[in-house]
């Protein structure tokens, strides 16, 4: 963690998934003020009819879902900026309708994330963790 899972109602090839993961990594690192080496991105291309948004009346609408598991500590404004940037990326890359893309956040303490490359558990988020330029 952090991790981002992207469920899409289409089918895409591995190079496109990799390009999406790269863009998401750059966006995440900048907005959330961390190094990209903490982020895992999974792209679930579920094909036509793979993701649906339900309605009170009428049939469900084909949709997309982005799940973000992050460390606690970011403001609503920062999370909203991340959410909108991720939606914009999916709209641009896959010509999806932004109205039918949803972003959900689950916030965790640092100790909820185990990174072998860090030597164990992560720490709580305390502010900008990017490498100095």
N, C-alpha and C. Protein backbone atom coordinates (compact mmCIF):
# COMPACT_ATOMS: atom_id res chain seq x y z
N UNK A 1 0.84 -1.15 0.00
CA UNK A 1 0.00 0.00 0.00
C UNK A 1 0.89 1.22 0.00
N UNK A 2 0.58 2.21 -0.65
CA UNK A 2 -0.71 2.43 -1.27
C UNK A 2 -0.91 1.54 -2.49
N UNK A 3 -2.20 1.32 -2.78
CA UNK A 3 -2.52 0.58 -3.98
C UNK A 3 -3.76 1.18 -4.63
N UNK A 4 -3.78 1.07 -5.94
CA UNK A 4 -4.91 1.56 -6.71
C UNK A 4 -5.36 0.41 -7.61
N UNK A 5 -6.63 0.08 -7.51
CA UNK A 5 -7.24 -0.94 -8.36
C UNK A 5 -8.21 -0.24 -9.30
N UNK A 6 -8.04 -0.49 -10.58
CA UNK A 6 -8.88 0.16 -11.59
C UNK A 6 -9.67 -0.92 -12.32
N UNK A 7 -10.99 -0.89 -12.15
CA UNK A 7 -11.88 -1.82 -12.83
C UNK A 7 -12.51 -1.10 -14.02
N UNK A 8 -12.28 -1.65 -15.21
CA UNK A 8 -12.75 -1.00 -16.43
C UNK A 8 -13.68 -1.91 -17.22
N UNK A 9 -14.70 -1.33 -17.87
CA UNK A 9 -15.65 -2.11 -18.65
C UNK A 9 -15.19 -2.29 -20.10
N UNK A 10 -13.95 -2.70 -20.27
CA UNK A 10 -13.37 -2.88 -21.60
C UNK A 10 -12.21 -3.83 -21.51
N UNK A 11 -11.61 -4.14 -22.64
CA UNK A 11 -10.45 -5.02 -22.69
C UNK A 11 -9.28 -4.24 -23.29
N UNK A 12 -8.12 -4.30 -22.64
CA UNK A 12 -6.93 -3.58 -23.12
C UNK A 12 -5.72 -4.49 -23.06
N UNK A 13 -4.72 -4.17 -23.88
CA UNK A 13 -3.52 -5.00 -23.93
C UNK A 13 -2.53 -4.61 -22.83
N UNK A 14 -1.54 -5.48 -22.62
CA UNK A 14 -0.56 -5.28 -21.55
C UNK A 14 0.21 -3.96 -21.69
N UNK A 15 0.68 -3.56 -22.88
CA UNK A 15 1.38 -2.28 -22.97
C UNK A 15 0.50 -1.08 -22.57
N UNK A 16 -0.78 -1.15 -22.88
CA UNK A 16 -1.68 -0.06 -22.49
C UNK A 16 -1.90 -0.06 -20.98
N UNK A 17 -2.00 -1.24 -20.39
CA UNK A 17 -2.11 -1.33 -18.93
C UNK A 17 -0.86 -0.74 -18.27
N UNK A 18 0.30 -1.07 -18.84
CA UNK A 18 1.55 -0.54 -18.29
C UNK A 18 1.59 0.98 -18.42
N UNK A 19 1.14 1.51 -19.55
CA UNK A 19 1.10 2.97 -19.74
C UNK A 19 0.15 3.62 -18.74
N UNK A 20 -1.00 2.98 -18.50
CA UNK A 20 -1.93 3.50 -17.50
C UNK A 20 -1.30 3.48 -16.11
N UNK A 21 -0.64 2.37 -15.76
CA UNK A 21 0.01 2.28 -14.45
C UNK A 21 1.08 3.36 -14.30
N UNK A 22 1.84 3.63 -15.35
CA UNK A 22 2.87 4.67 -15.30
C UNK A 22 2.25 6.04 -15.06
N UNK A 23 1.20 6.35 -15.80
CA UNK A 23 0.52 7.65 -15.63
C UNK A 23 -0.06 7.78 -14.23
N UNK A 24 -0.68 6.71 -13.75
CA UNK A 24 -1.25 6.73 -12.40
C UNK A 24 -0.14 6.93 -11.37
N UNK A 25 0.99 6.26 -11.56
CA UNK A 25 2.12 6.42 -10.64
C UNK A 25 2.63 7.85 -10.57
N UNK A 26 2.77 8.49 -11.72
CA UNK A 26 3.24 9.88 -11.77
C UNK A 26 2.23 10.80 -11.08
N UNK A 27 0.95 10.61 -11.39
CA UNK A 27 -0.11 11.42 -10.78
C UNK A 27 -0.11 11.23 -9.27
N UNK A 28 -0.09 9.97 -8.84
CA UNK A 28 -0.15 9.67 -7.42
C UNK A 28 1.04 10.27 -6.67
N UNK A 29 2.25 10.06 -7.20
CA UNK A 29 3.45 10.56 -6.53
C UNK A 29 3.40 12.08 -6.36
N UNK A 30 2.96 12.79 -7.39
CA UNK A 30 2.92 14.25 -7.33
C UNK A 30 1.85 14.75 -6.36
N UNK A 31 0.65 14.26 -6.50
CA UNK A 31 -0.45 14.77 -5.68
C UNK A 31 -0.34 14.32 -4.23
N UNK A 32 0.05 13.06 -4.03
CA UNK A 32 0.10 12.51 -2.67
C UNK A 32 1.46 12.70 -2.01
N UNK A 33 2.42 13.27 -2.73
CA UNK A 33 3.73 13.64 -2.20
C UNK A 33 4.51 12.45 -1.64
N UNK A 34 4.64 11.43 -2.48
CA UNK A 34 5.42 10.24 -2.12
C UNK A 34 6.25 9.80 -3.31
N UNK A 35 7.20 8.91 -3.06
CA UNK A 35 7.92 8.27 -4.14
C UNK A 35 7.03 7.21 -4.79
N UNK A 36 7.19 7.01 -6.08
CA UNK A 36 6.36 6.03 -6.79
C UNK A 36 6.65 4.60 -6.35
N UNK A 37 7.79 4.34 -5.71
CA UNK A 37 8.14 2.97 -5.35
C UNK A 37 7.22 2.37 -4.30
N UNK A 38 6.37 3.15 -3.68
CA UNK A 38 5.40 2.63 -2.71
C UNK A 38 4.11 2.16 -3.37
N UNK A 39 3.84 2.59 -4.58
CA UNK A 39 2.54 2.40 -5.20
C UNK A 39 2.46 1.10 -6.02
N UNK A 40 1.37 0.39 -5.83
CA UNK A 40 1.04 -0.76 -6.67
C UNK A 40 -0.25 -0.43 -7.39
N UNK A 41 -0.27 -0.65 -8.70
CA UNK A 41 -1.45 -0.39 -9.52
C UNK A 41 -1.90 -1.70 -10.15
N UNK A 42 -3.17 -2.04 -9.97
CA UNK A 42 -3.71 -3.20 -10.66
C UNK A 42 -4.82 -2.73 -11.60
N UNK A 43 -4.76 -3.22 -12.82
CA UNK A 43 -5.73 -2.85 -13.85
C UNK A 43 -6.55 -4.08 -14.17
N UNK A 44 -7.83 -4.00 -13.90
CA UNK A 44 -8.75 -5.10 -14.17
C UNK A 44 -9.59 -4.72 -15.38
N UNK A 45 -9.25 -5.25 -16.52
CA UNK A 45 -10.05 -4.99 -17.72
C UNK A 45 -11.08 -6.11 -17.81
N UNK A 46 -12.28 -5.80 -17.37
CA UNK A 46 -13.33 -6.80 -17.19
C UNK A 46 -14.19 -7.00 -18.43
N UNK A 47 -13.90 -6.26 -19.49
CA UNK A 47 -14.65 -6.40 -20.73
C UNK A 47 -16.01 -5.73 -20.66
N UNK A 48 -16.65 -5.66 -21.82
CA UNK A 48 -17.98 -5.05 -21.89
C UNK A 48 -18.90 -5.77 -20.92
N UNK A 49 -19.62 -5.01 -20.14
CA UNK A 49 -20.54 -5.59 -19.18
C UNK A 49 -19.89 -6.05 -17.89
N UNK A 50 -18.63 -5.69 -17.66
CA UNK A 50 -17.91 -6.14 -16.47
C UNK A 50 -18.08 -5.27 -15.24
N UNK A 51 -18.50 -4.02 -15.39
CA UNK A 51 -18.69 -3.10 -14.27
C UNK A 51 -19.98 -2.33 -14.51
N UNK A 52 -20.83 -2.26 -13.49
CA UNK A 52 -22.14 -1.62 -13.64
C UNK A 52 -22.43 -0.68 -12.47
N UNK A 53 -23.09 0.45 -12.75
CA UNK A 53 -23.63 1.34 -11.71
C UNK A 53 -25.13 1.14 -11.67
N UNK A 54 -25.64 0.83 -10.49
CA UNK A 54 -27.07 0.57 -10.32
C UNK A 54 -27.83 1.88 -10.12
N UNK A 55 -29.12 1.83 -10.44
CA UNK A 55 -30.00 2.99 -10.33
C UNK A 55 -31.28 2.58 -9.60
N UNK A 56 -31.97 3.55 -9.02
CA UNK A 56 -33.24 3.28 -8.35
C UNK A 56 -34.27 2.74 -9.34
N UNK A 57 -34.28 3.34 -10.52
CA UNK A 57 -35.20 2.86 -11.55
C UNK A 57 -34.42 2.74 -12.86
N UNK A 58 -34.76 1.77 -13.64
CA UNK A 58 -34.06 1.56 -14.89
C UNK A 58 -32.91 0.60 -14.73
N UNK A 59 -32.36 0.18 -15.85
CA UNK A 59 -31.27 -0.80 -15.82
C UNK A 59 -29.95 -0.16 -15.40
N UNK A 60 -29.01 -0.95 -14.88
CA UNK A 60 -27.67 -0.44 -14.56
C UNK A 60 -26.97 0.13 -15.80
N UNK A 61 -25.99 1.01 -15.54
CA UNK A 61 -25.21 1.66 -16.58
C UNK A 61 -23.77 1.14 -16.52
N UNK A 62 -23.19 0.83 -17.68
CA UNK A 62 -21.79 0.42 -17.73
C UNK A 62 -20.94 1.52 -17.10
N UNK A 63 -20.01 1.13 -16.22
CA UNK A 63 -19.26 2.09 -15.41
C UNK A 63 -17.83 1.64 -15.21
N UNK A 64 -17.07 2.42 -14.46
CA UNK A 64 -15.73 2.08 -14.03
C UNK A 64 -15.59 2.39 -12.55
N UNK A 65 -14.66 1.70 -11.88
CA UNK A 65 -14.45 1.88 -10.45
C UNK A 65 -12.96 1.93 -10.17
N UNK A 66 -12.55 2.91 -9.38
CA UNK A 66 -11.16 3.06 -8.98
C UNK A 66 -11.12 3.02 -7.46
N UNK A 67 -10.43 2.03 -6.92
CA UNK A 67 -10.30 1.86 -5.47
C UNK A 67 -8.90 2.30 -5.05
N UNK A 68 -8.82 3.21 -4.10
CA UNK A 68 -7.54 3.72 -3.63
C UNK A 68 -7.35 3.38 -2.15
N UNK A 69 -6.41 2.51 -1.86
CA UNK A 69 -6.02 2.22 -0.48
C UNK A 69 -4.80 3.08 -0.18
N UNK A 70 -4.96 4.01 0.75
CA UNK A 70 -3.91 4.99 1.01
C UNK A 70 -3.68 5.10 2.51
N UNK A 71 -2.56 5.76 2.87
CA UNK A 71 -2.33 6.08 4.27
C UNK A 71 -3.17 7.29 4.66
N UNK A 72 -3.61 7.31 5.90
CA UNK A 72 -4.38 8.44 6.43
C UNK A 72 -3.53 9.70 6.41
N UNK A 73 -4.21 10.85 6.38
CA UNK A 73 -3.50 12.10 6.59
C UNK A 73 -3.70 13.15 5.52
N UNK A 74 -4.23 12.77 4.36
CA UNK A 74 -4.43 13.77 3.31
C UNK A 74 -5.79 14.43 3.49
N UNK A 75 -5.86 15.69 3.07
CA UNK A 75 -7.10 16.45 3.18
C UNK A 75 -8.10 15.98 2.13
N UNK A 76 -9.36 16.36 2.33
CA UNK A 76 -10.38 16.08 1.32
C UNK A 76 -10.00 16.70 -0.02
N UNK A 77 -9.42 17.89 0.01
CA UNK A 77 -9.05 18.59 -1.22
C UNK A 77 -7.97 17.80 -1.98
N UNK A 78 -7.00 17.26 -1.27
CA UNK A 78 -5.94 16.48 -1.93
C UNK A 78 -6.53 15.20 -2.51
N UNK A 79 -7.37 14.53 -1.75
CA UNK A 79 -7.98 13.30 -2.27
C UNK A 79 -8.90 13.59 -3.45
N UNK A 80 -9.61 14.70 -3.40
CA UNK A 80 -10.47 15.07 -4.54
C UNK A 80 -9.63 15.35 -5.78
N UNK A 81 -8.49 16.01 -5.60
CA UNK A 81 -7.60 16.27 -6.74
C UNK A 81 -7.09 14.96 -7.34
N UNK A 82 -6.71 14.01 -6.48
CA UNK A 82 -6.27 12.71 -6.98
C UNK A 82 -7.40 12.02 -7.72
N UNK A 83 -8.59 11.99 -7.13
CA UNK A 83 -9.73 11.32 -7.74
C UNK A 83 -10.02 11.90 -9.12
N UNK A 84 -10.08 13.22 -9.22
CA UNK A 84 -10.40 13.84 -10.50
C UNK A 84 -9.31 13.58 -11.53
N UNK A 85 -8.05 13.59 -11.11
CA UNK A 85 -6.94 13.31 -12.03
C UNK A 85 -6.99 11.88 -12.55
N UNK A 86 -7.35 10.93 -11.69
CA UNK A 86 -7.47 9.54 -12.13
C UNK A 86 -8.64 9.37 -13.09
N UNK A 87 -9.76 10.02 -12.79
CA UNK A 87 -10.91 9.99 -13.70
C UNK A 87 -10.52 10.60 -15.04
N UNK A 88 -9.88 11.76 -15.02
CA UNK A 88 -9.48 12.42 -16.26
C UNK A 88 -8.57 11.53 -17.11
N UNK A 89 -7.68 10.81 -16.47
CA UNK A 89 -6.77 9.91 -17.18
C UNK A 89 -7.55 8.79 -17.87
N UNK A 90 -8.50 8.20 -17.16
CA UNK A 90 -9.31 7.13 -17.77
C UNK A 90 -10.18 7.65 -18.90
N UNK A 91 -10.70 8.85 -18.75
CA UNK A 91 -11.50 9.45 -19.82
C UNK A 91 -10.63 9.68 -21.04
N UNK A 92 -9.43 10.23 -20.82
CA UNK A 92 -8.53 10.53 -21.94
C UNK A 92 -8.04 9.26 -22.64
N UNK A 93 -7.63 8.27 -21.86
CA UNK A 93 -7.04 7.08 -22.46
C UNK A 93 -8.07 6.14 -23.08
N UNK A 94 -9.28 6.09 -22.51
CA UNK A 94 -10.24 5.07 -22.93
C UNK A 94 -11.58 5.62 -23.40
N UNK A 95 -11.69 6.94 -23.48
CA UNK A 95 -12.91 7.60 -23.95
C UNK A 95 -14.13 7.17 -23.15
N UNK A 96 -13.95 7.03 -21.83
CA UNK A 96 -15.06 6.69 -20.94
C UNK A 96 -15.79 7.96 -20.53
N UNK A 97 -17.02 7.82 -20.12
CA UNK A 97 -17.81 8.95 -19.64
C UNK A 97 -17.50 9.18 -18.17
N UNK A 98 -16.99 10.34 -17.84
CA UNK A 98 -16.58 10.66 -16.47
C UNK A 98 -17.71 10.48 -15.46
N UNK A 99 -18.94 10.69 -15.88
CA UNK A 99 -20.09 10.56 -14.97
C UNK A 99 -20.18 9.15 -14.41
N UNK A 100 -19.71 8.16 -15.17
CA UNK A 100 -19.86 6.77 -14.75
C UNK A 100 -18.57 6.16 -14.22
N UNK A 101 -17.62 7.02 -13.82
CA UNK A 101 -16.41 6.56 -13.14
C UNK A 101 -16.50 7.00 -11.69
N UNK A 102 -16.21 6.09 -10.79
CA UNK A 102 -16.29 6.40 -9.36
C UNK A 102 -14.96 6.07 -8.70
N UNK A 103 -14.54 6.90 -7.74
CA UNK A 103 -13.32 6.67 -6.98
C UNK A 103 -13.70 6.50 -5.51
N UNK A 104 -13.19 5.45 -4.91
CA UNK A 104 -13.40 5.22 -3.48
C UNK A 104 -12.06 5.15 -2.78
N UNK A 105 -12.01 5.71 -1.57
CA UNK A 105 -10.80 5.71 -0.76
C UNK A 105 -11.01 4.87 0.50
N UNK A 106 -10.01 4.09 0.84
CA UNK A 106 -9.91 3.45 2.14
C UNK A 106 -8.59 3.94 2.73
N UNK A 107 -8.65 4.51 3.94
CA UNK A 107 -7.46 5.09 4.55
C UNK A 107 -6.97 4.19 5.68
N UNK A 108 -5.65 4.04 5.74
CA UNK A 108 -5.02 3.11 6.68
C UNK A 108 -3.90 3.80 7.45
N UNK A 109 -3.56 3.23 8.59
CA UNK A 109 -2.32 3.59 9.27
C UNK A 109 -1.16 2.99 8.50
N UNK A 110 0.01 3.55 8.65
CA UNK A 110 1.19 3.02 7.96
C UNK A 110 1.46 1.58 8.30
N UNK A 111 1.19 1.18 9.54
CA UNK A 111 1.47 -0.19 9.96
C UNK A 111 0.55 -1.22 9.31
N UNK A 112 -0.41 -0.76 8.53
CA UNK A 112 -1.27 -1.68 7.79
C UNK A 112 -0.63 -2.12 6.48
N UNK A 113 0.55 -1.57 6.14
CA UNK A 113 1.19 -1.84 4.87
C UNK A 113 2.59 -2.42 5.10
N UNK A 114 2.83 -3.57 4.55
CA UNK A 114 4.13 -4.23 4.69
C UNK A 114 4.85 -4.20 3.35
N UNK A 115 6.04 -3.61 3.35
CA UNK A 115 6.85 -3.48 2.13
C UNK A 115 8.20 -4.15 2.35
N UNK A 116 8.45 -5.29 1.73
CA UNK A 116 9.76 -5.92 1.89
C UNK A 116 10.92 -4.98 1.52
N UNK A 117 10.72 -4.15 0.47
CA UNK A 117 11.82 -3.27 0.06
C UNK A 117 12.08 -2.15 1.07
N UNK A 118 11.15 -1.93 2.00
CA UNK A 118 11.38 -0.96 3.09
C UNK A 118 11.89 -1.67 4.35
N UNK A 119 11.94 -2.98 4.31
CA UNK A 119 12.39 -3.73 5.46
C UNK A 119 11.28 -4.01 6.47
N UNK A 120 10.04 -3.83 6.06
CA UNK A 120 8.94 -4.13 6.98
C UNK A 120 7.76 -3.19 6.78
N UNK A 121 7.16 -2.83 7.90
CA UNK A 121 5.96 -2.00 7.84
C UNK A 121 6.29 -0.57 7.46
N UNK A 122 5.33 0.05 6.81
CA UNK A 122 5.46 1.46 6.45
C UNK A 122 5.26 2.32 7.70
N UNK A 123 5.46 3.60 7.55
CA UNK A 123 5.22 4.55 8.64
C UNK A 123 3.95 5.34 8.33
N UNK A 124 3.43 6.03 9.31
CA UNK A 124 2.31 6.92 9.06
C UNK A 124 2.78 8.07 8.18
N UNK A 125 1.86 8.58 7.36
CA UNK A 125 2.20 9.69 6.48
C UNK A 125 2.35 10.97 7.30
N UNK A 126 3.47 11.68 7.09
CA UNK A 126 3.77 12.88 7.89
C UNK A 126 3.98 14.13 7.03
N UNK A 127 3.78 14.03 5.75
CA UNK A 127 4.02 15.17 4.88
C UNK A 127 4.80 14.73 3.67
N UNK A 128 5.30 15.68 2.92
CA UNK A 128 5.97 15.41 1.66
C UNK A 128 7.11 14.41 1.85
N UNK A 129 7.02 13.28 1.17
CA UNK A 129 8.02 12.23 1.28
C UNK A 129 8.80 12.04 -0.01
N UNK A 130 8.62 12.97 -0.97
CA UNK A 130 9.34 12.83 -2.24
C UNK A 130 10.82 13.10 -2.01
N UNK A 131 11.59 12.46 -2.88
CA UNK A 131 13.04 12.69 -2.86
C UNK A 131 13.30 14.16 -3.22
N UNK A 132 14.26 14.82 -2.54
CA UNK A 132 14.58 16.20 -2.95
C UNK A 132 15.11 16.22 -4.37
N UNK A 133 14.68 17.23 -5.13
CA UNK A 133 15.09 17.33 -6.54
C UNK A 133 16.52 17.78 -6.68
